[in-house]
Amino acid sequence: VNAAPTGIVICNPKHEIIMVNQYISNVFQKPKREFIGKNPSDLVAKEHRTALRTQVVEVLKCNQQEEYGRRLDTAITLPSGDLMQVEIALSTLMFDEQLLIIMSISDISDRKQLEKKLRTLASTDPLTGALNRRSFNDYTERAISTCIRINRPLSLIILDIDFFKKINDTYGHAAGDEVLVAVVSKISEVTRDVDILGRLGGEE
C-alpha cells in the first residue's frame, strides 16, 4: 500500500481515517499520524467536501454481499494553496469483521487539462477563438430563455466586415485571416465577460 503510485485512505464506518499511505503523506507534506481520526472530507477542497461526504454515506449503505464502488472527480488543496484535480474511487471491504471504506486518490490533472482543451476545440472557431456557430446558437438560446424568465431585455448585434471579399482577392486569404483575427480581438476588448461573441461564418 505504501508503495502505491496513488493515494490510499482507509476509513471506519464513523467516517474516521484509520490509515493513509506514503503518497498521501508526501502530497500533503504531513506525517501519516496527523491524518488519523480526521474526516476524509478534510482532504478535499472546501467546496467539494459535501459531495465526498454524500458519496461515503452512499457507499456505506451498500449491500455488503455485493461488489460496490463509486467514483468522484474532485480537487484537493495542496500545501502551496494550488488545487490538484483528482479522482477518488470509493469501495468497501470487510476486514476482521469490520466494514472499512477504501479510498483510492489518483491525480487526473493531465486528463482534466486535455478535457478542457477538447471542449475548447469543440466549441470555438479555430482561427479567431470566438465561439463557433453551434456553440453561439446554444449560448444564445439559453440567454434568450433566461431573459424571458427574468423579464429582462437582450441585445444582439450582427457585424459583417465591409469589402471582405476584396481583401481576400487583393491580398490573399492569409491576409483575410489576419483581418478576422484582428476584428475579433478588437471586439473582445470592448465586450464584457458576460457577453457572447461568436463567428457565424465567413466574416459574419
N, C-alpha and C. Protein backbone atom coordinates (compact mmCIF):
# COMPACT_ATOMS: atom_id res chain seq x y z
N VAL A 1 0.84 -1.21 0.00
CA VAL A 1 0.00 0.00 0.00
C VAL A 1 0.87 1.25 0.00
N ASN A 2 1.93 1.25 0.81
CA ASN A 2 2.79 2.42 0.87
C ASN A 2 3.53 2.69 -0.43
N ALA A 3 3.75 1.64 -1.22
CA ALA A 3 4.46 1.81 -2.49
C ALA A 3 3.52 2.17 -3.64
N ALA A 4 2.22 2.23 -3.38
CA ALA A 4 1.25 2.50 -4.44
C ALA A 4 1.48 3.89 -5.04
N PRO A 5 1.34 4.02 -6.38
CA PRO A 5 1.54 5.33 -7.03
C PRO A 5 0.32 6.24 -6.92
N THR A 6 -0.67 5.83 -6.14
CA THR A 6 -1.86 6.65 -5.89
C THR A 6 -2.05 6.77 -4.39
N GLY A 7 -2.89 7.72 -3.99
CA GLY A 7 -3.19 7.87 -2.56
C GLY A 7 -4.15 6.80 -2.10
N ILE A 8 -3.89 6.21 -0.94
CA ILE A 8 -4.80 5.24 -0.35
C ILE A 8 -5.19 5.74 1.04
N VAL A 9 -6.50 5.84 1.26
CA VAL A 9 -7.03 6.27 2.56
C VAL A 9 -8.03 5.21 3.02
N ILE A 10 -7.87 4.73 4.25
CA ILE A 10 -8.79 3.73 4.79
C ILE A 10 -9.53 4.36 5.98
N CYS A 11 -10.86 4.22 5.96
CA CYS A 11 -11.69 4.83 7.00
C CYS A 11 -12.58 3.77 7.64
N ASN A 12 -13.04 4.07 8.86
CA ASN A 12 -14.02 3.21 9.51
C ASN A 12 -15.42 3.75 9.25
N PRO A 13 -16.48 3.03 9.64
CA PRO A 13 -17.85 3.48 9.37
C PRO A 13 -18.22 4.79 10.06
N LYS A 14 -17.40 5.24 11.00
CA LYS A 14 -17.67 6.52 11.66
C LYS A 14 -17.08 7.69 10.87
N HIS A 15 -16.63 7.40 9.67
CA HIS A 15 -16.02 8.41 8.80
C HIS A 15 -14.71 8.94 9.40
N GLU A 16 -13.97 8.07 10.05
CA GLU A 16 -12.68 8.45 10.64
C GLU A 16 -11.56 7.75 9.89
N ILE A 17 -10.54 8.48 9.54
CA ILE A 17 -9.39 7.88 8.86
C ILE A 17 -8.61 7.02 9.86
N ILE A 18 -8.33 5.79 9.46
CA ILE A 18 -7.52 4.92 10.33
C ILE A 18 -6.16 4.61 9.71
N MET A 19 -6.00 4.94 8.39
CA MET A 19 -4.70 4.75 7.76
C MET A 19 -4.61 5.52 6.47
N VAL A 20 -3.44 6.09 6.20
CA VAL A 20 -3.14 6.66 4.88
C VAL A 20 -1.79 6.11 4.45
N ASN A 21 -1.55 6.11 3.14
CA ASN A 21 -0.25 5.62 2.68
C ASN A 21 0.74 6.77 2.50
N GLN A 22 1.96 6.41 2.08
CA GLN A 22 3.03 7.40 1.96
C GLN A 22 2.73 8.46 0.92
N TYR A 23 2.00 8.08 -0.14
CA TYR A 23 1.63 9.03 -1.19
C TYR A 23 0.86 10.22 -0.59
N ILE A 24 -0.11 9.93 0.27
CA ILE A 24 -0.91 10.98 0.90
C ILE A 24 -0.01 11.86 1.78
N SER A 25 0.87 11.23 2.52
CA SER A 25 1.81 11.97 3.37
C SER A 25 2.68 12.91 2.54
N ASN A 26 3.14 12.43 1.39
CA ASN A 26 4.00 13.24 0.53
C ASN A 26 3.24 14.42 -0.08
N VAL A 27 2.02 14.14 -0.57
CA VAL A 27 1.23 15.19 -1.23
C VAL A 27 0.89 16.33 -0.27
N PHE A 28 0.48 15.97 0.94
CA PHE A 28 0.07 16.99 1.92
C PHE A 28 1.23 17.47 2.80
N GLN A 29 2.39 16.82 2.64
CA GLN A 29 3.60 17.20 3.39
C GLN A 29 3.34 17.17 4.90
N LYS A 30 2.71 16.06 5.34
CA LYS A 30 2.42 15.86 6.77
C LYS A 30 2.74 14.42 7.12
N PRO A 31 3.13 14.17 8.37
CA PRO A 31 3.32 12.77 8.80
C PRO A 31 1.98 12.03 8.74
N LYS A 32 2.04 10.75 8.48
CA LYS A 32 0.81 9.95 8.35
C LYS A 32 -0.03 9.98 9.63
N ARG A 33 0.61 10.06 10.77
CA ARG A 33 -0.14 10.03 12.04
C ARG A 33 -1.08 11.22 12.18
N GLU A 34 -0.79 12.33 11.50
CA GLU A 34 -1.63 13.53 11.63
C GLU A 34 -2.99 13.38 10.94
N PHE A 35 -3.15 12.36 10.12
CA PHE A 35 -4.42 12.14 9.43
C PHE A 35 -5.36 11.25 10.23
N ILE A 36 -4.82 10.52 11.18
CA ILE A 36 -5.62 9.54 11.92
C ILE A 36 -6.73 10.23 12.71
N GLY A 37 -7.96 9.70 12.57
CA GLY A 37 -9.10 10.25 13.28
C GLY A 37 -9.81 11.38 12.56
N LYS A 38 -9.20 11.90 11.48
CA LYS A 38 -9.81 13.01 10.73
C LYS A 38 -10.89 12.47 9.79
N ASN A 39 -11.81 13.35 9.42
CA ASN A 39 -12.81 13.00 8.42
C ASN A 39 -12.16 13.05 7.04
N PRO A 40 -12.39 12.05 6.19
CA PRO A 40 -11.73 12.06 4.87
C PRO A 40 -12.10 13.27 4.01
N SER A 41 -13.25 13.87 4.28
CA SER A 41 -13.63 15.06 3.51
C SER A 41 -12.69 16.23 3.77
N ASP A 42 -11.95 16.18 4.88
CA ASP A 42 -10.98 17.24 5.15
C ASP A 42 -9.85 17.25 4.13
N LEU A 43 -9.70 16.16 3.40
CA LEU A 43 -8.62 16.08 2.42
C LEU A 43 -8.90 16.86 1.16
N VAL A 44 -10.18 17.10 0.86
CA VAL A 44 -10.52 17.76 -0.40
C VAL A 44 -10.81 19.24 -0.17
N ALA A 45 -10.82 19.99 -1.26
CA ALA A 45 -11.10 21.42 -1.19
C ALA A 45 -12.49 21.66 -0.58
N LYS A 46 -12.65 22.77 0.13
CA LYS A 46 -13.87 23.03 0.89
C LYS A 46 -15.14 22.88 0.07
N GLU A 47 -15.11 23.36 -1.18
CA GLU A 47 -16.33 23.35 -1.99
C GLU A 47 -16.72 21.94 -2.43
N HIS A 48 -15.83 20.96 -2.22
CA HIS A 48 -16.12 19.58 -2.64
C HIS A 48 -16.42 18.65 -1.46
N ARG A 49 -16.36 19.16 -0.23
CA ARG A 49 -16.47 18.29 0.94
C ARG A 49 -17.85 17.65 1.07
N THR A 50 -18.90 18.42 0.82
CA THR A 50 -20.25 17.87 0.94
C THR A 50 -20.46 16.72 -0.04
N ALA A 51 -19.97 16.89 -1.25
CA ALA A 51 -20.12 15.83 -2.27
C ALA A 51 -19.42 14.55 -1.84
N LEU A 52 -18.22 14.68 -1.25
CA LEU A 52 -17.49 13.49 -0.82
C LEU A 52 -18.19 12.82 0.35
N ARG A 53 -18.69 13.62 1.30
CA ARG A 53 -19.42 13.03 2.44
C ARG A 53 -20.62 12.24 1.94
N THR A 54 -21.33 12.79 0.97
CA THR A 54 -22.51 12.11 0.40
C THR A 54 -22.11 10.78 -0.21
N GLN A 55 -21.00 10.76 -0.94
CA GLN A 55 -20.55 9.52 -1.57
C GLN A 55 -20.16 8.47 -0.53
N VAL A 56 -19.53 8.91 0.55
CA VAL A 56 -19.14 7.98 1.62
C VAL A 56 -20.38 7.34 2.24
N VAL A 57 -21.39 8.16 2.48
CA VAL A 57 -22.65 7.65 3.05
C VAL A 57 -23.28 6.63 2.12
N GLU A 58 -23.29 6.94 0.81
CA GLU A 58 -23.89 6.03 -0.17
C GLU A 58 -23.14 4.70 -0.23
N VAL A 59 -21.82 4.75 -0.15
CA VAL A 59 -21.03 3.52 -0.18
C VAL A 59 -21.32 2.67 1.04
N LEU A 60 -21.49 3.30 2.20
CA LEU A 60 -21.77 2.55 3.43
C LEU A 60 -23.15 1.90 3.40
N LYS A 61 -24.06 2.44 2.60
CA LYS A 61 -25.41 1.88 2.51
C LYS A 61 -25.44 0.60 1.68
N CYS A 62 -24.37 0.32 0.97
CA CYS A 62 -24.38 -0.78 0.01
C CYS A 62 -24.57 -2.12 0.71
N ASN A 63 -25.04 -3.08 -0.06
CA ASN A 63 -25.17 -4.45 0.42
C ASN A 63 -23.78 -5.07 0.50
N GLN A 64 -23.39 -5.48 1.67
CA GLN A 64 -22.03 -5.99 1.86
C GLN A 64 -21.76 -7.26 1.07
N GLN A 65 -22.81 -7.92 0.59
CA GLN A 65 -22.63 -9.15 -0.16
C GLN A 65 -22.30 -8.88 -1.63
N GLU A 66 -22.44 -7.63 -2.04
CA GLU A 66 -22.23 -7.29 -3.44
C GLU A 66 -21.00 -6.38 -3.59
N GLU A 67 -20.33 -6.55 -4.70
CA GLU A 67 -19.22 -5.63 -5.00
C GLU A 67 -19.82 -4.28 -5.34
N TYR A 68 -19.27 -3.25 -4.74
CA TYR A 68 -19.90 -1.94 -4.88
C TYR A 68 -18.83 -0.86 -4.83
N GLY A 69 -18.96 0.16 -5.63
CA GLY A 69 -17.99 1.24 -5.58
C GLY A 69 -18.53 2.49 -6.25
N ARG A 70 -17.89 3.59 -5.97
CA ARG A 70 -18.28 4.87 -6.58
C ARG A 70 -17.02 5.65 -6.94
N ARG A 71 -17.17 6.54 -7.90
CA ARG A 71 -16.07 7.40 -8.31
C ARG A 71 -16.52 8.85 -8.29
N LEU A 72 -15.58 9.72 -7.94
CA LEU A 72 -15.90 11.14 -7.81
C LEU A 72 -14.72 11.96 -8.31
N ASP A 73 -14.97 12.84 -9.28
CA ASP A 73 -13.95 13.80 -9.70
C ASP A 73 -14.01 15.00 -8.77
N THR A 74 -12.90 15.35 -8.17
CA THR A 74 -12.88 16.42 -7.18
C THR A 74 -11.52 17.09 -7.19
N ALA A 75 -11.20 17.84 -6.17
CA ALA A 75 -9.90 18.53 -6.10
C ALA A 75 -9.43 18.57 -4.66
N ILE A 76 -8.12 18.51 -4.48
CA ILE A 76 -7.54 18.68 -3.15
C ILE A 76 -6.68 19.94 -3.15
N THR A 77 -6.61 20.58 -2.00
CA THR A 77 -5.81 21.79 -1.87
C THR A 77 -4.42 21.41 -1.37
N LEU A 78 -3.43 21.72 -2.17
CA LEU A 78 -2.05 21.39 -1.81
C LEU A 78 -1.52 22.38 -0.78
N PRO A 79 -0.45 22.06 -0.09
CA PRO A 79 0.13 22.99 0.89
C PRO A 79 0.47 24.36 0.29
N SER A 80 0.76 24.38 -1.02
CA SER A 80 1.07 25.65 -1.70
C SER A 80 -0.16 26.51 -1.92
N GLY A 81 -1.35 25.92 -1.71
CA GLY A 81 -2.60 26.62 -1.98
C GLY A 81 -3.17 26.30 -3.35
N ASP A 82 -2.39 25.65 -4.20
CA ASP A 82 -2.87 25.25 -5.53
C ASP A 82 -3.82 24.06 -5.39
N LEU A 83 -4.68 23.90 -6.41
CA LEU A 83 -5.60 22.77 -6.44
C LEU A 83 -5.04 21.67 -7.33
N MET A 84 -5.17 20.43 -6.89
CA MET A 84 -4.83 19.27 -7.72
C MET A 84 -6.13 18.55 -8.06
N GLN A 85 -6.39 18.38 -9.35
CA GLN A 85 -7.58 17.66 -9.78
C GLN A 85 -7.35 16.17 -9.56
N VAL A 86 -8.27 15.53 -8.86
CA VAL A 86 -8.11 14.11 -8.54
C VAL A 86 -9.41 13.36 -8.78
N GLU A 87 -9.28 12.05 -8.95
CA GLU A 87 -10.42 11.15 -8.96
C GLU A 87 -10.33 10.29 -7.71
N ILE A 88 -11.44 10.21 -6.97
CA ILE A 88 -11.48 9.38 -5.78
C ILE A 88 -12.40 8.19 -6.06
N ALA A 89 -11.84 7.00 -5.96
CA ALA A 89 -12.62 5.77 -6.10
C ALA A 89 -12.89 5.22 -4.71
N LEU A 90 -14.16 5.01 -4.38
CA LEU A 90 -14.55 4.54 -3.05
C LEU A 90 -15.12 3.13 -3.15
N SER A 91 -14.72 2.29 -2.23
CA SER A 91 -15.30 0.96 -2.15
C SER A 91 -15.26 0.51 -0.69
N THR A 92 -15.94 -0.60 -0.40
CA THR A 92 -15.96 -1.12 0.97
C THR A 92 -15.25 -2.46 1.03
N LEU A 93 -14.80 -2.80 2.22
CA LEU A 93 -14.08 -4.05 2.43
C LEU A 93 -14.34 -4.54 3.85
N MET A 94 -14.65 -5.82 3.98
CA MET A 94 -14.78 -6.42 5.31
C MET A 94 -13.41 -6.95 5.74
N PHE A 95 -12.92 -6.48 6.89
CA PHE A 95 -11.62 -6.91 7.40
C PHE A 95 -11.73 -7.13 8.89
N ASP A 96 -11.43 -8.35 9.34
CA ASP A 96 -11.56 -8.68 10.77
C ASP A 96 -12.97 -8.36 11.27
N GLU A 97 -13.96 -8.70 10.44
CA GLU A 97 -15.37 -8.48 10.75
C GLU A 97 -15.72 -7.00 10.94
N GLN A 98 -14.92 -6.15 10.39
CA GLN A 98 -15.21 -4.71 10.45
C GLN A 98 -15.33 -4.18 9.03
N LEU A 99 -16.36 -3.37 8.79
CA LEU A 99 -16.55 -2.76 7.48
C LEU A 99 -15.63 -1.55 7.35
N LEU A 100 -14.83 -1.54 6.31
CA LEU A 100 -13.91 -0.43 6.06
C LEU A 100 -14.23 0.24 4.74
N ILE A 101 -13.90 1.50 4.64
CA ILE A 101 -14.05 2.25 3.39
C ILE A 101 -12.64 2.48 2.83
N ILE A 102 -12.44 2.05 1.61
CA ILE A 102 -11.15 2.23 0.94
C ILE A 102 -11.31 3.35 -0.09
N MET A 103 -10.46 4.36 0.01
CA MET A 103 -10.48 5.46 -0.95
C MET A 103 -9.16 5.49 -1.69
N SER A 104 -9.24 5.40 -3.01
CA SER A 104 -8.05 5.50 -3.86
C SER A 104 -8.08 6.85 -4.55
N ILE A 105 -7.01 7.64 -4.38
CA ILE A 105 -6.98 9.01 -4.89
C ILE A 105 -5.93 9.11 -5.99
N SER A 106 -6.37 9.43 -7.21
CA SER A 106 -5.47 9.49 -8.37
C SER A 106 -5.42 10.91 -8.93
N ASP A 107 -4.23 11.36 -9.27
CA ASP A 107 -4.03 12.67 -9.89
C ASP A 107 -4.52 12.62 -11.34
N ILE A 108 -5.53 13.43 -11.67
CA ILE A 108 -6.06 13.46 -13.04
C ILE A 108 -5.90 14.84 -13.65
N SER A 109 -4.92 15.61 -13.17
CA SER A 109 -4.70 16.98 -13.68
C SER A 109 -4.50 16.98 -15.19
N ASP A 110 -3.67 16.04 -15.70
CA ASP A 110 -3.41 15.99 -17.14
C ASP A 110 -4.69 15.68 -17.91
N ARG A 111 -5.49 14.75 -17.37
CA ARG A 111 -6.74 14.39 -18.05
C ARG A 111 -7.70 15.57 -18.09
N LYS A 112 -7.78 16.31 -16.98
CA LYS A 112 -8.68 17.47 -16.93
C LYS A 112 -8.23 18.56 -17.90
N GLN A 113 -6.92 18.76 -18.02
CA GLN A 113 -6.42 19.76 -18.97
C GLN A 113 -6.76 19.35 -20.40
N LEU A 114 -6.62 18.05 -20.69
CA LEU A 114 -6.97 17.55 -22.03
C LEU A 114 -8.45 17.71 -22.30
N GLU A 115 -9.31 17.39 -21.30
CA GLU A 115 -10.75 17.55 -21.47
C GLU A 115 -11.11 19.01 -21.74
N LYS A 116 -10.45 19.92 -21.00
CA LYS A 116 -10.71 21.35 -21.20
C LYS A 116 -10.31 21.78 -22.60
N LYS A 117 -9.15 21.28 -23.06
CA LYS A 117 -8.67 21.61 -24.40
C LYS A 117 -9.63 21.09 -25.46
N LEU A 118 -10.12 19.86 -25.27
CA LEU A 118 -11.05 19.27 -26.24
C LEU A 118 -12.38 20.03 -26.27
N ARG A 119 -12.85 20.45 -25.08
CA ARG A 119 -14.10 21.24 -25.04
C ARG A 119 -13.91 22.55 -25.77
N THR A 120 -12.75 23.18 -25.58
CA THR A 120 -12.47 24.44 -26.25
C THR A 120 -12.42 24.25 -27.76
N LEU A 121 -11.75 23.18 -28.20
CA LEU A 121 -11.66 22.90 -29.63
C LEU A 121 -13.03 22.64 -30.24
N ALA A 122 -13.89 21.98 -29.47
CA ALA A 122 -15.21 21.62 -29.99
C ALA A 122 -16.17 22.81 -30.03
N SER A 123 -15.90 23.84 -29.22
CA SER A 123 -16.86 24.93 -29.10
C SER A 123 -16.40 26.24 -29.73
N THR A 124 -15.15 26.34 -30.15
CA THR A 124 -14.65 27.61 -30.66
C THR A 124 -14.19 27.51 -32.10
N ASP A 125 -14.16 28.66 -32.74
CA ASP A 125 -13.63 28.78 -34.09
C ASP A 125 -12.11 28.72 -34.01
N PRO A 126 -11.46 27.77 -34.68
CA PRO A 126 -10.02 27.59 -34.52
C PRO A 126 -9.18 28.78 -34.98
N LEU A 127 -9.73 29.60 -35.88
CA LEU A 127 -8.96 30.74 -36.38
C LEU A 127 -8.98 31.92 -35.41
N THR A 128 -10.18 32.29 -34.97
CA THR A 128 -10.32 33.53 -34.20
C THR A 128 -10.44 33.31 -32.69
N GLY A 129 -10.82 32.10 -32.28
CA GLY A 129 -11.04 31.85 -30.86
C GLY A 129 -12.43 32.23 -30.39
N ALA A 130 -13.24 32.83 -31.26
CA ALA A 130 -14.64 33.13 -30.91
C ALA A 130 -15.43 31.82 -30.91
N LEU A 131 -16.60 31.83 -30.30
CA LEU A 131 -17.45 30.65 -30.33
C LEU A 131 -17.77 30.29 -31.78
N ASN A 132 -17.87 28.99 -32.06
CA ASN A 132 -18.30 28.60 -33.40
C ASN A 132 -19.83 28.73 -33.49
N ARG A 133 -20.37 28.52 -34.68
CA ARG A 133 -21.80 28.74 -34.92
C ARG A 133 -22.68 27.92 -33.98
N ARG A 134 -22.35 26.63 -33.83
CA ARG A 134 -23.18 25.75 -32.99
C ARG A 134 -23.18 26.22 -31.54
N SER A 135 -21.99 26.51 -31.01
CA SER A 135 -21.91 26.95 -29.60
C SER A 135 -22.57 28.30 -29.41
N PHE A 136 -22.38 29.19 -30.39
CA PHE A 136 -23.03 30.51 -30.31
C PHE A 136 -24.54 30.36 -30.24
N ASN A 137 -25.09 29.47 -31.08
CA ASN A 137 -26.54 29.25 -31.06
C ASN A 137 -27.00 28.68 -29.72
N ASP A 138 -26.23 27.74 -29.17
CA ASP A 138 -26.58 27.14 -27.88
C ASP A 138 -26.59 28.20 -26.78
N TYR A 139 -25.52 28.99 -26.71
CA TYR A 139 -25.44 30.04 -25.69
C TYR A 139 -26.57 31.06 -25.86
N THR A 140 -26.86 31.41 -27.12
CA THR A 140 -27.89 32.41 -27.39
C THR A 140 -29.27 31.91 -26.97
N GLU A 141 -29.56 30.65 -27.26
CA GLU A 141 -30.85 30.09 -26.85
C GLU A 141 -31.01 30.12 -25.34
N ARG A 142 -29.94 29.79 -24.62
CA ARG A 142 -30.01 29.82 -23.15
C ARG A 142 -30.18 31.25 -22.65
N ALA A 143 -29.49 32.20 -23.30
CA ALA A 143 -29.60 33.61 -22.90
C ALA A 143 -31.01 34.13 -23.12
N ILE A 144 -31.60 33.75 -24.24
CA ILE A 144 -32.98 34.18 -24.53
C ILE A 144 -33.94 33.60 -23.49
N SER A 145 -33.80 32.33 -23.18
CA SER A 145 -34.66 31.70 -22.17
C SER A 145 -34.52 32.38 -20.82
N THR A 146 -33.29 32.70 -20.44
CA THR A 146 -33.05 33.37 -19.15
C THR A 146 -33.70 34.74 -19.13
N CYS A 147 -33.53 35.50 -20.22
CA CYS A 147 -34.09 36.85 -20.28
C CYS A 147 -35.62 36.84 -20.26
N ILE A 148 -36.21 35.83 -20.90
CA ILE A 148 -37.67 35.70 -20.86
C ILE A 148 -38.12 35.40 -19.43
N ARG A 149 -37.38 34.48 -18.77
CA ARG A 149 -37.77 34.07 -17.42
C ARG A 149 -37.68 35.22 -16.42
N ILE A 150 -36.63 36.04 -16.52
CA ILE A 150 -36.46 37.14 -15.54
C ILE A 150 -36.96 38.47 -16.08
N ASN A 151 -37.58 38.42 -17.28
CA ASN A 151 -38.19 39.61 -17.87
C ASN A 151 -37.18 40.74 -18.04
N ARG A 152 -36.05 40.41 -18.67
CA ARG A 152 -35.02 41.40 -18.96
C ARG A 152 -34.75 41.44 -20.45
N PRO A 153 -34.34 42.61 -20.96
CA PRO A 153 -34.07 42.71 -22.40
C PRO A 153 -32.78 42.00 -22.80
N LEU A 154 -32.68 41.70 -24.09
CA LEU A 154 -31.48 41.06 -24.63
C LEU A 154 -31.09 41.81 -25.90
N SER A 155 -29.82 42.11 -26.05
CA SER A 155 -29.36 42.81 -27.25
C SER A 155 -28.53 41.87 -28.12
N LEU A 156 -28.75 41.94 -29.42
CA LEU A 156 -28.00 41.12 -30.37
C LEU A 156 -27.45 42.03 -31.46
N ILE A 157 -26.15 41.97 -31.67
CA ILE A 157 -25.51 42.76 -32.73
C ILE A 157 -24.88 41.79 -33.72
N ILE A 158 -25.20 41.96 -35.00
CA ILE A 158 -24.56 41.15 -36.03
C ILE A 158 -23.68 42.07 -36.87
N LEU A 159 -22.39 41.74 -36.93
CA LEU A 159 -21.42 42.54 -37.66
C LEU A 159 -20.97 41.80 -38.91
N ASP A 160 -20.75 42.56 -39.96
CA ASP A 160 -20.25 41.99 -41.20
C ASP A 160 -19.16 42.93 -41.72
N ILE A 161 -17.98 42.39 -42.01
CA ILE A 161 -16.86 43.24 -42.43
C ILE A 161 -17.07 43.70 -43.87
N ASP A 162 -17.07 45.01 -44.06
CA ASP A 162 -17.27 45.57 -45.40
C ASP A 162 -16.10 45.20 -46.32
N PHE A 163 -16.43 44.89 -47.57
CA PHE A 163 -15.44 44.64 -48.63
C PHE A 163 -14.46 43.51 -48.27
N PHE A 164 -14.94 42.55 -47.48
CA PHE A 164 -14.03 41.47 -47.05
C PHE A 164 -13.56 40.63 -48.23
N LYS A 165 -14.45 40.40 -49.19
CA LYS A 165 -14.07 39.61 -50.37
C LYS A 165 -12.95 40.31 -51.14
N LYS A 166 -13.01 41.64 -51.16
CA LYS A 166 -11.98 42.40 -51.87
C LYS A 166 -10.61 42.25 -51.19
N ILE A 167 -10.64 42.18 -49.85
CA ILE A 167 -9.39 41.98 -49.10
C ILE A 167 -8.78 40.64 -49.48
N ASN A 168 -9.61 39.60 -49.51
CA ASN A 168 -9.12 38.28 -49.88
C ASN A 168 -8.60 38.24 -51.31
N ASP A 169 -9.35 38.88 -52.24
CA ASP A 169 -8.97 38.85 -53.65
C ASP A 169 -7.69 39.64 -53.91
N THR A 170 -7.51 40.72 -53.16
CA THR A 170 -6.36 41.60 -53.39
C THR A 170 -5.10 41.12 -52.67
N TYR A 171 -5.25 40.72 -51.41
CA TYR A 171 -4.08 40.42 -50.59
C TYR A 171 -3.94 38.93 -50.24
N GLY A 172 -4.94 38.14 -50.59
CA GLY A 172 -4.88 36.70 -50.32
C GLY A 172 -5.62 36.33 -49.05
N HIS A 173 -5.93 35.04 -48.91
CA HIS A 173 -6.73 34.57 -47.78
C HIS A 173 -5.97 34.65 -46.46
N ALA A 174 -4.66 34.56 -46.50
CA ALA A 174 -3.89 34.69 -45.26
C ALA A 174 -4.09 36.07 -44.66
N ALA A 175 -4.11 37.09 -45.52
CA ALA A 175 -4.35 38.45 -45.05
C ALA A 175 -5.78 38.58 -44.52
N GLY A 176 -6.72 37.93 -45.22
CA GLY A 176 -8.10 37.94 -44.75
C GLY A 176 -8.23 37.32 -43.38
N ASP A 177 -7.48 36.24 -43.16
CA ASP A 177 -7.49 35.59 -41.84
C ASP A 177 -6.98 36.55 -40.77
N GLU A 178 -5.92 37.29 -41.10
CA GLU A 178 -5.36 38.25 -40.13
C GLU A 178 -6.40 39.32 -39.77
N VAL A 179 -7.18 39.73 -40.77
CA VAL A 179 -8.22 40.73 -40.52
C VAL A 179 -9.28 40.17 -39.57
N LEU A 180 -9.70 38.93 -39.81
CA LEU A 180 -10.71 38.30 -38.94
C LEU A 180 -10.21 38.21 -37.51
N VAL A 181 -8.96 37.77 -37.34
CA VAL A 181 -8.38 37.65 -36.00
C VAL A 181 -8.34 39.02 -35.33
N ALA A 182 -7.93 40.07 -36.08
CA ALA A 182 -7.83 41.42 -35.51
C ALA A 182 -9.20 41.97 -35.12
N VAL A 183 -10.20 41.70 -35.95
CA VAL A 183 -11.56 42.19 -35.65
C VAL A 183 -12.09 41.53 -34.38
N VAL A 184 -11.95 40.22 -34.25
CA VAL A 184 -12.41 39.51 -33.05
C VAL A 184 -11.66 40.02 -31.82
N SER A 185 -10.36 40.27 -31.98
CA SER A 185 -9.56 40.78 -30.86
C SER A 185 -10.08 42.14 -30.40
N LYS A 186 -10.39 43.02 -31.36
CA LYS A 186 -10.89 44.36 -31.01
C LYS A 186 -12.27 44.28 -30.36
N ILE A 187 -13.14 43.40 -30.87
CA ILE A 187 -14.46 43.24 -30.27
C ILE A 187 -14.32 42.73 -28.83
N SER A 188 -13.41 41.78 -28.63
CA SER A 188 -13.20 41.22 -27.30
C SER A 188 -12.75 42.28 -26.30
N GLU A 189 -12.00 43.28 -26.78
CA GLU A 189 -11.50 44.34 -25.90
C GLU A 189 -12.63 45.21 -25.36
N VAL A 190 -13.72 45.32 -26.09
CA VAL A 190 -14.79 46.25 -25.71
C VAL A 190 -16.06 45.54 -25.24
N THR A 191 -16.00 44.22 -25.08
CA THR A 191 -17.17 43.50 -24.56
C THR A 191 -16.87 43.00 -23.16
N ARG A 192 -17.94 42.68 -22.43
CA ARG A 192 -17.82 42.21 -21.06
C ARG A 192 -17.66 40.70 -21.03
N ASP A 193 -17.25 40.18 -19.87
CA ASP A 193 -17.10 38.73 -19.72
C ASP A 193 -18.42 38.00 -19.93
N VAL A 194 -19.52 38.66 -19.58
CA VAL A 194 -20.84 38.01 -19.70
C VAL A 194 -21.38 38.05 -21.12
N ASP A 195 -20.75 38.82 -22.01
CA ASP A 195 -21.21 38.90 -23.39
C ASP A 195 -20.76 37.67 -24.17
N ILE A 196 -21.50 37.34 -25.20
CA ILE A 196 -21.22 36.17 -26.03
C ILE A 196 -20.76 36.64 -27.39
N LEU A 197 -19.59 36.16 -27.81
CA LEU A 197 -19.04 36.53 -29.10
C LEU A 197 -18.82 35.28 -29.93
N GLY A 198 -19.43 35.24 -31.09
CA GLY A 198 -19.30 34.07 -31.94
C GLY A 198 -19.09 34.43 -33.39
N ARG A 199 -18.49 33.52 -34.13
CA ARG A 199 -18.33 33.67 -35.58
C ARG A 199 -19.33 32.76 -36.25
N LEU A 200 -20.30 33.36 -36.95
CA LEU A 200 -21.35 32.58 -37.58
C LEU A 200 -20.90 31.95 -38.87
N GLY A 201 -19.87 32.53 -39.47
CA GLY A 201 -19.36 32.00 -40.74
C GLY A 201 -18.81 33.11 -41.57
N GLY A 202 -17.76 32.84 -42.34
CA GLY A 202 -17.16 33.88 -43.16
C GLY A 202 -16.73 35.06 -42.31
N GLU A 203 -17.17 36.25 -42.73
CA GLU A 203 -16.83 37.47 -41.96
C GLU A 203 -17.99 37.93 -41.10
N GLU A 204 -18.97 37.05 -40.84
CA GLU A 204 -20.18 37.43 -40.08
C GLU A 204 -20.00 37.04 -38.61
